[in-house]
Amino acid sequence: MNLRIKICGLTSPDAVHAAVEAGADSLGFVFADSPRRVTVARALELTADLPAAVTRVAVMRHPSEAAVTAVLEGFQPDFLQTDHGDFGAIRLRGTCRPLPVFRDGEALPGRVPSLLLYEGMTSGSGQVADWETAALLARRSRLVLAGGLSVENVSEAIGAVRPYGVDVSSGVESEPGRKDPQRIDEFIAAARAAAAPIEIIGEHDHDGSSGSVR
């Protein structure tokens, strides 16, 4: 099973193009308070020519019902990413699937979703997640590791956690909200090289039906 790579917080056509050309599996668009925030209209522009094989993730945090409805109906993402506790009040539509976020310091439930994203307490801050806890979760679920990943540490992170996927945002930026195409390319190359000799947990190795971030 190949490692899944998500580039998050995209705001420009150049960054989207760089991510696709470098081989990203999934692109994240932020609809929460952030220097990377985009509107539904902007997200649609950025993904107008996106290859069908690249999935689109709408990234939110504690969204209102109205905000969720606007994103689901207007953008029609493949996944909705928000804190796991938010999904109790969210009704997904169509083919959109959940990507629940678990964070450092939170009490973990006895049963975890078949697919989840694990990161530090504050999204997009560059804070490195607790890899030890992430590694334990990666044995129980298809875990996408986020939080402070960069070209410099992604190889070590993959070796320590053995995640199903990795997610980067600030680690491939020249400044907050501005992605660096060269760093995107370097990050994806480093992640692929680190994952190649490692057995990565695959989408059929766990029970559940949350889908996969392709």
C-alpha atoms as a PDB file:
ATOM      1  CA  MET A   1       0.000   0.000   0.000  1.00  0.00           C
ATOM      2  CA  ASN A   2       1.424   3.371  -1.010  1.00  0.00           C
ATOM      3  CA  LEU A   3       1.590   6.180   1.514  1.00  0.00           C
ATOM      4  CA  ARG A   4      -1.188   8.738   0.993  1.00  0.00           C
ATOM      5  CA  ILE A   5       0.001  12.354   0.851  1.00  0.00           C
ATOM      6  CA  LYS A   6      -2.229  15.354   1.499  1.00  0.00           C
ATOM      7  CA  ILE A   7      -1.159  18.950   0.877  1.00  0.00           C
ATOM      8  CA  CYS A   8      -3.390  21.225   2.941  1.00  0.00           C
ATOM      9  CA  GLY A   9      -4.217  24.914   3.037  1.00  0.00           C
ATOM     10  CA  LEU A  10      -3.885  25.591  -0.677  1.00  0.00           C
ATOM     11  CA  THR A  11      -4.775  29.098  -1.830  1.00  0.00           C
ATOM     12  CA  SER A  12      -3.235  29.591  -5.287  1.00  0.00           C
ATOM     13  CA  PRO A  13      -3.264  27.910  -8.708  1.00  0.00           C
ATOM     14  CA  ASP A  14       0.541  27.580  -8.633  1.00  0.00           C
ATOM     15  CA  ALA A  15       0.394  25.631  -5.365  1.00  0.00           C
ATOM     16  CA  VAL A  16      -2.384  23.348  -6.617  1.00  0.00           C
ATOM     17  CA  HIS A  17      -0.458  22.686  -9.818  1.00  0.00           C
ATOM     18  CA  ALA A  18       2.752  21.969  -7.894  1.00  0.00           C
ATOM     19  CA  ALA A  19       0.978  19.526  -5.575  1.00  0.00           C
ATOM     20  CA  VAL A  20      -0.683  17.652  -8.429  1.00  0.00           C
ATOM     21  CA  GLU A  21       2.490  17.518 -10.531  1.00  0.00           C
ATOM     22  CA  ALA A  22       4.506  16.228  -7.560  1.00  0.00           C
ATOM     23  CA  GLY A  23       2.015  13.408  -7.017  1.00  0.00           C
ATOM     24  CA  ALA A  24      -0.171  14.465  -4.092  1.00  0.00           C
ATOM     25  CA  ASP A  25      -3.115  12.157  -3.481  1.00  0.00           C
ATOM     26  CA  SER A  26      -5.324  14.685  -1.757  1.00  0.00           C
ATOM     27  CA  LEU A  27      -5.648  18.474  -1.475  1.00  0.00           C
ATOM     28  CA  GLY A  28      -7.074  20.326   1.504  1.00  0.00           C
ATOM     29  CA  PHE A  29      -8.939  23.641   1.381  1.00  0.00           C
ATOM     30  CA  VAL A  30      -9.502  25.532   4.611  1.00  0.00           C
ATOM     31  CA  PHE A  31     -12.901  26.995   5.428  1.00  0.00           C
ATOM     32  CA  ALA A  32     -12.018  27.854   9.038  1.00  0.00           C
ATOM     33  CA  ASP A  33     -10.320  30.871  10.641  1.00  0.00           C
ATOM     34  CA  SER A  34      -6.829  30.823   9.151  1.00  0.00           C
ATOM     35  CA  PRO A  35      -4.454  32.755   6.868  1.00  0.00           C
ATOM     36  CA  ARG A  36      -5.171  29.881   4.462  1.00  0.00           C
ATOM     37  CA  ARG A  37      -8.928  30.351   4.465  1.00  0.00           C
ATOM     38  CA  VAL A  38     -10.683  30.301   1.094  1.00  0.00           C
ATOM     39  CA  THR A  39     -14.257  30.864   0.000  1.00  0.00           C
ATOM     40  CA  VAL A  40     -16.338  28.189  -1.677  1.00  0.00           C
ATOM     41  CA  ALA A  41     -16.069  30.109  -4.945  1.00  0.00           C
ATOM     42  CA  ARG A  42     -12.267  30.249  -4.675  1.00  0.00           C
ATOM     43  CA  ALA A  43     -12.004  26.543  -3.854  1.00  0.00           C
ATOM     44  CA  LEU A  44     -14.088  25.749  -6.926  1.00  0.00           C
ATOM     45  CA  GLU A  45     -11.778  27.866  -9.091  1.00  0.00           C
ATOM     46  CA  LEU A  46      -8.686  26.160  -7.711  1.00  0.00           C
ATOM     47  CA  THR A  47     -10.056  22.666  -8.345  1.00  0.00           C
ATOM     48  CA  ALA A  48     -11.752  23.256 -11.689  1.00  0.00           C
ATOM     49  CA  ASP A  49      -9.179  21.178 -13.581  1.00  0.00           C
ATOM     50  CA  LEU A  50      -8.212  18.795 -10.799  1.00  0.00           C
ATOM     51  CA  PRO A  51      -7.658  15.183 -11.940  1.00  0.00           C
ATOM     52  CA  ALA A  52     -10.416  12.857 -10.785  1.00  0.00           C
ATOM     53  CA  ALA A  53      -7.909  10.700  -8.884  1.00  0.00           C
ATOM     54  CA  VAL A  54      -6.984  13.581  -6.542  1.00  0.00           C
ATOM     55  CA  THR A  55      -9.462  13.924  -3.698  1.00  0.00           C
ATOM     56  CA  ARG A  56     -10.659  17.260  -2.312  1.00  0.00           C
ATOM     57  CA  VAL A  57     -10.896  17.786   1.436  1.00  0.00           C
ATOM     58  CA  ALA A  58     -12.887  20.603   3.033  1.00  0.00           C
ATOM     59  CA  VAL A  59     -11.143  21.539   6.281  1.00  0.00           C
ATOM     60  CA  MET A  60     -13.288  23.071   9.039  1.00  0.00           C
ATOM     61  CA  ARG A  61     -13.262  23.312  12.829  1.00  0.00           C
ATOM     62  CA  HIS A  62     -16.360  23.466  15.033  1.00  0.00           C
ATOM     63  CA  PRO A  63     -18.425  24.688  12.048  1.00  0.00           C
ATOM     64  CA  SER A  64     -21.992  25.896  12.258  1.00  0.00           C
ATOM     65  CA  GLU A  65     -24.711  23.938  10.495  1.00  0.00           C
ATOM     66  CA  ALA A  66     -25.051  26.766   7.966  1.00  0.00           C
ATOM     67  CA  ALA A  67     -21.322  26.735   7.221  1.00  0.00           C
ATOM     68  CA  VAL A  68     -21.312  22.979   6.691  1.00  0.00           C
ATOM     69  CA  THR A  69     -24.318  23.185   4.391  1.00  0.00           C
ATOM     70  CA  ALA A  70     -22.710  25.948   2.320  1.00  0.00           C
ATOM     71  CA  VAL A  71     -19.486  23.974   1.863  1.00  0.00           C
ATOM     72  CA  LEU A  72     -21.140  20.635   1.173  1.00  0.00           C
ATOM     73  CA  GLU A  73     -23.608  22.055  -1.322  1.00  0.00           C
ATOM     74  CA  GLY A  74     -21.294  24.595  -2.934  1.00  0.00           C
ATOM     75  CA  PHE A  75     -17.945  22.801  -3.016  1.00  0.00           C
ATOM     76  CA  GLN A  76     -19.085  19.160  -2.844  1.00  0.00           C
ATOM     77  CA  PRO A  77     -15.834  17.837  -1.328  1.00  0.00           C
ATOM     78  CA  ASP A  78     -14.867  14.184  -1.191  1.00  0.00           C
ATOM     79  CA  PHE A  79     -14.099  14.497   2.537  1.00  0.00           C
ATOM     80  CA  LEU A  80     -15.063  16.832   5.345  1.00  0.00           C
ATOM     81  CA  GLN A  81     -12.274  17.226   7.920  1.00  0.00           C
ATOM     82  CA  THR A  82     -13.101  18.580  11.366  1.00  0.00           C
ATOM     83  CA  ASP A  83     -12.655  17.588  15.006  1.00  0.00           C
ATOM     84  CA  HIS A  84     -14.155  14.171  15.716  1.00  0.00           C
ATOM     85  CA  GLY A  85     -16.595  15.599  18.265  1.00  0.00           C
ATOM     86  CA  ASP A  86     -18.143  17.852  15.636  1.00  0.00           C
ATOM     87  CA  PHE A  87     -19.531  14.968  13.613  1.00  0.00           C
ATOM     88  CA  GLY A  88     -22.269  14.290  16.147  1.00  0.00           C
ATOM     89  CA  ALA A  89     -24.066  17.355  14.812  1.00  0.00           C
ATOM     90  CA  ILE A  90     -23.084  17.037  11.145  1.00  0.00           C
ATOM     91  CA  ARG A  91     -25.107  15.259   8.497  1.00  0.00           C
ATOM     92  CA  LEU A  92     -22.967  14.497   5.464  1.00  0.00           C
ATOM     93  CA  ARG A  93     -24.554  14.501   2.034  1.00  0.00           C
ATOM     94  CA  GLY A  94     -23.971  12.574  -1.141  1.00  0.00           C
ATOM     95  CA  THR A  95     -20.597  10.862  -1.417  1.00  0.00           C
ATOM     96  CA  CYS A  96     -18.789  13.126   1.068  1.00  0.00           C
ATOM     97  CA  ARG A  97     -17.046  11.094   3.782  1.00  0.00           C
ATOM     98  CA  PRO A  98     -15.789  12.103   7.241  1.00  0.00           C
ATOM     99  CA  LEU A  99     -12.155  12.686   8.120  1.00  0.00           C
ATOM    100  CA  PRO A 100     -12.314  13.110  11.921  1.00  0.00           C
ATOM    101  CA  VAL A 101      -9.459  14.921  13.657  1.00  0.00           C
ATOM    102  CA  PHE A 102      -7.951  13.689  16.922  1.00  0.00           C
ATOM    103  CA  ARG A 103      -5.505  15.960  18.749  1.00  0.00           C
ATOM    104  CA  ASP A 104      -2.669  15.747  21.247  1.00  0.00           C
ATOM    105  CA  GLY A 105      -3.833  15.713  24.844  1.00  0.00           C
ATOM    106  CA  GLU A 106      -7.358  14.473  24.167  1.00  0.00           C
ATOM    107  CA  ALA A 107      -8.713  11.350  25.818  1.00  0.00           C
ATOM    108  CA  LEU A 108      -8.997   8.671  23.175  1.00  0.00           C
ATOM    109  CA  PRO A 109     -12.175   6.594  22.870  1.00  0.00           C
ATOM    110  CA  GLY A 110     -12.046   2.830  23.203  1.00  0.00           C
ATOM    111  CA  ARG A 111     -13.178   2.479  19.606  1.00  0.00           C
ATOM    112  CA  VAL A 112     -11.691   4.766  16.977  1.00  0.00           C
ATOM    113  CA  PRO A 113     -12.863   5.367  13.402  1.00  0.00           C
ATOM    114  CA  SER A 114     -11.339   3.298  10.621  1.00  0.00           C
ATOM    115  CA  LEU A 115      -9.877   6.490   9.153  1.00  0.00           C
ATOM    116  CA  LEU A 116      -8.689   9.512  11.142  1.00  0.00           C
ATOM    117  CA  LEU A 117      -6.258  12.423  11.122  1.00  0.00           C
ATOM    118  CA  TYR A 118      -3.992  13.006  14.107  1.00  0.00           C
ATOM    119  CA  GLU A 119      -2.279  16.316  14.872  1.00  0.00           C
ATOM    120  CA  GLY A 120      -1.268  18.839  17.535  1.00  0.00           C
ATOM    121  CA  MET A 121      -3.698  21.010  19.443  1.00  0.00           C
ATOM    122  CA  THR A 122      -3.658  23.900  16.941  1.00  0.00           C
ATOM    123  CA  SER A 123      -4.035  23.285  13.229  1.00  0.00           C
ATOM    124  CA  GLY A 124      -1.620  25.050  10.885  1.00  0.00           C
ATOM    125  CA  SER A 125       0.651  26.200  13.707  1.00  0.00           C
ATOM    126  CA  GLY A 126       3.640  24.036  12.865  1.00  0.00           C
ATOM    127  CA  GLN A 127       3.346  22.269  16.235  1.00  0.00           C
ATOM    128  CA  VAL A 128       4.743  18.749  15.957  1.00  0.00           C
ATOM    129  CA  ALA A 129       2.242  16.098  17.027  1.00  0.00           C
ATOM    130  CA  ASP A 130       2.987  13.421  19.612  1.00  0.00           C
ATOM    131  CA  TRP A 131       4.386  10.668  17.405  1.00  0.00           C
ATOM    132  CA  GLU A 132       4.312   8.079  20.183  1.00  0.00           C
ATOM    133  CA  THR A 133       0.548   8.399  20.619  1.00  0.00           C
ATOM    134  CA  ALA A 134       0.114   8.586  16.847  1.00  0.00           C
ATOM    135  CA  ALA A 135       2.041   5.330  16.418  1.00  0.00           C
ATOM    136  CA  LEU A 136      -0.272   3.563  18.870  1.00  0.00           C
ATOM    137  CA  LEU A 137      -3.324   4.835  16.986  1.00  0.00           C
ATOM    138  CA  ALA A 138      -1.802   3.862  13.644  1.00  0.00           C
ATOM    139  CA  ARG A 139      -1.975   0.230  14.773  1.00  0.00           C
ATOM    140  CA  ARG A 140      -5.740   0.561  15.260  1.00  0.00           C
ATOM    141  CA  SER A 141      -6.787   2.773  12.358  1.00  0.00           C
ATOM    142  CA  ARG A 142      -5.758   4.214   9.025  1.00  0.00           C
ATOM    143  CA  LEU A 143      -4.054   7.249  10.489  1.00  0.00           C
ATOM    144  CA  VAL A 144      -3.134  10.358   8.535  1.00  0.00           C
ATOM    145  CA  LEU A 145      -0.351  12.094  10.451  1.00  0.00           C
ATOM    146  CA  ALA A 146      -0.350  15.897  10.518  1.00  0.00           C
ATOM    147  CA  GLY A 147       1.136  18.540  12.785  1.00  0.00           C
ATOM    148  CA  GLY A 148       4.490  20.191  12.173  1.00  0.00           C
ATOM    149  CA  LEU A 149       5.616  17.962   9.330  1.00  0.00           C
ATOM    150  CA  SER A 150       8.224  19.329   6.940  1.00  0.00           C
ATOM    151  CA  VAL A 151      10.820  18.262   4.404  1.00  0.00           C
ATOM    152  CA  GLU A 152      13.288  18.008   7.275  1.00  0.00           C
ATOM    153  CA  ASN A 153      11.340  15.646   9.552  1.00  0.00           C
ATOM    154  CA  VAL A 154       8.854  13.707   7.405  1.00  0.00           C
ATOM    155  CA  SER A 155      11.196  10.743   6.935  1.00  0.00           C
ATOM    156  CA  GLU A 156      11.712  10.410  10.689  1.00  0.00           C
ATOM    157  CA  ALA A 157       7.973  10.791  11.289  1.00  0.00           C
ATOM    158  CA  ILE A 158       7.081   8.038   8.832  1.00  0.00           C
ATOM    159  CA  GLY A 159       9.633   5.695  10.380  1.00  0.00           C
ATOM    160  CA  ALA A 160       8.366   6.388  13.893  1.00  0.00           C
ATOM    161  CA  VAL A 161       4.609   6.284  13.247  1.00  0.00           C
ATOM    162  CA  ARG A 162       4.165   4.183  10.096  1.00  0.00           C
ATOM    163  CA  PRO A 163       1.040   6.108   9.166  1.00  0.00           C
ATOM    164  CA  TYR A 164      -1.434   5.421   6.403  1.00  0.00           C
ATOM    165  CA  GLY A 165      -0.874   8.982   5.199  1.00  0.00           C
ATOM    166  CA  VAL A 166       0.814  12.292   5.938  1.00  0.00           C
ATOM    167  CA  ASP A 167      -0.594  15.820   5.802  1.00  0.00           C
ATOM    168  CA  VAL A 168       1.460  19.008   5.488  1.00  0.00           C
ATOM    169  CA  SER A 169       0.554  22.691   5.429  1.00  0.00           C
ATOM    170  CA  SER A 170       2.874  25.227   7.086  1.00  0.00           C
ATOM    171  CA  GLY A 171       5.881  22.960   6.478  1.00  0.00           C
ATOM    172  CA  VAL A 172       5.776  23.698   2.738  1.00  0.00           C
ATOM    173  CA  GLU A 173       5.218  27.451   2.990  1.00  0.00           C
ATOM    174  CA  SER A 174       7.487  30.448   2.435  1.00  0.00           C
ATOM    175  CA  GLU A 175       5.178  32.444   4.738  1.00  0.00           C
ATOM    176  CA  PRO A 176       1.798  31.728   6.362  1.00  0.00           C
ATOM    177  CA  GLY A 177      -0.713  31.041   3.622  1.00  0.00           C
ATOM    178  CA  ARG A 178       1.813  31.048   0.773  1.00  0.00           C
ATOM    179  CA  LYS A 179       2.894  27.611  -0.446  1.00  0.00           C
ATOM    180  CA  ASP A 180       6.359  27.111  -1.939  1.00  0.00           C
ATOM    181  CA  PRO A 181       6.160  24.824  -5.014  1.00  0.00           C
ATOM    182  CA  GLN A 182       9.732  23.616  -4.537  1.00  0.00           C
ATOM    183  CA  ARG A 183       9.119  22.632  -0.917  1.00  0.00           C
ATOM    184  CA  ILE A 184       5.938  20.814  -1.941  1.00  0.00           C
ATOM    185  CA  ASP A 185       7.941  18.807  -4.469  1.00  0.00           C
ATOM    186  CA  GLU A 186      10.720  18.108  -1.946  1.00  0.00           C
ATOM    187  CA  PHE A 187       8.253  17.070   0.753  1.00  0.00           C
ATOM    188  CA  ILE A 188       6.432  14.585  -1.460  1.00  0.00           C
ATOM    189  CA  ALA A 189       9.709  13.133  -2.748  1.00  0.00           C
ATOM    190  CA  ALA A 190      11.053  12.726   0.798  1.00  0.00           C
ATOM    191  CA  ALA A 191       7.820  11.113   2.010  1.00  0.00           C
ATOM    192  CA  ARG A 192       7.701   8.653  -0.898  1.00  0.00           C
ATOM    193  CA  ALA A 193      11.344   7.698  -0.382  1.00  0.00           C
ATOM    194  CA  ALA A 194      10.853   7.139   3.346  1.00  0.00           C
ATOM    195  CA  ALA A 195       7.707   5.055   2.864  1.00  0.00           C
ATOM    196  CA  ALA A 196       9.039   2.836   0.087  1.00  0.00           C
ATOM    197  CA  PRO A 197      10.789   0.235   2.302  1.00  0.00           C
ATOM    198  CA  ILE A 198       8.164   0.340   5.070  1.00  0.00           C
ATOM    199  CA  GLU A 199       4.992  -1.710   5.306  1.00  0.00           C
ATOM    200  CA  ILE A 200       2.241   0.897   5.443  1.00  0.00           C
ATOM    201  CA  ILE A 201      -1.125   0.023   6.944  1.00  0.00           C
ATOM    202  CA  GLY A 202      -3.562  -0.390   4.076  1.00  0.00           C
ATOM    203  CA  GLU A 203      -7.173   0.515   3.676  1.00  0.00           C
ATOM    204  CA  HIS A 204      -8.323  -3.111   4.007  1.00  0.00           C
ATOM    205  CA  ASP A 205      -6.336  -3.853   7.172  1.00  0.00           C
ATOM    206  CA  HIS A 206      -8.994  -2.396   9.496  1.00  0.00           C
ATOM    207  CA  ASP A 207     -12.708  -2.861   9.850  1.00  0.00           C
ATOM    208  CA  GLY A 208     -14.920   0.122   9.103  1.00  0.00           C
ATOM    209  CA  SER A 209     -16.415   2.007   6.229  1.00  0.00           C
ATOM    210  CA  SER A 210     -15.125   5.563   6.471  1.00  0.00           C
ATOM    211  CA  GLY A 211     -13.422   5.391   3.091  1.00  0.00           C
ATOM    212  CA  SER A 212      -9.854   6.342   2.206  1.00  0.00           C
ATOM    213  CA  VAL A 213      -8.093   9.594   1.451  1.00  0.00           C
ATOM    214  CA  ARG A 214      -6.853   8.626  -1.982  1.00  0.00           C
END
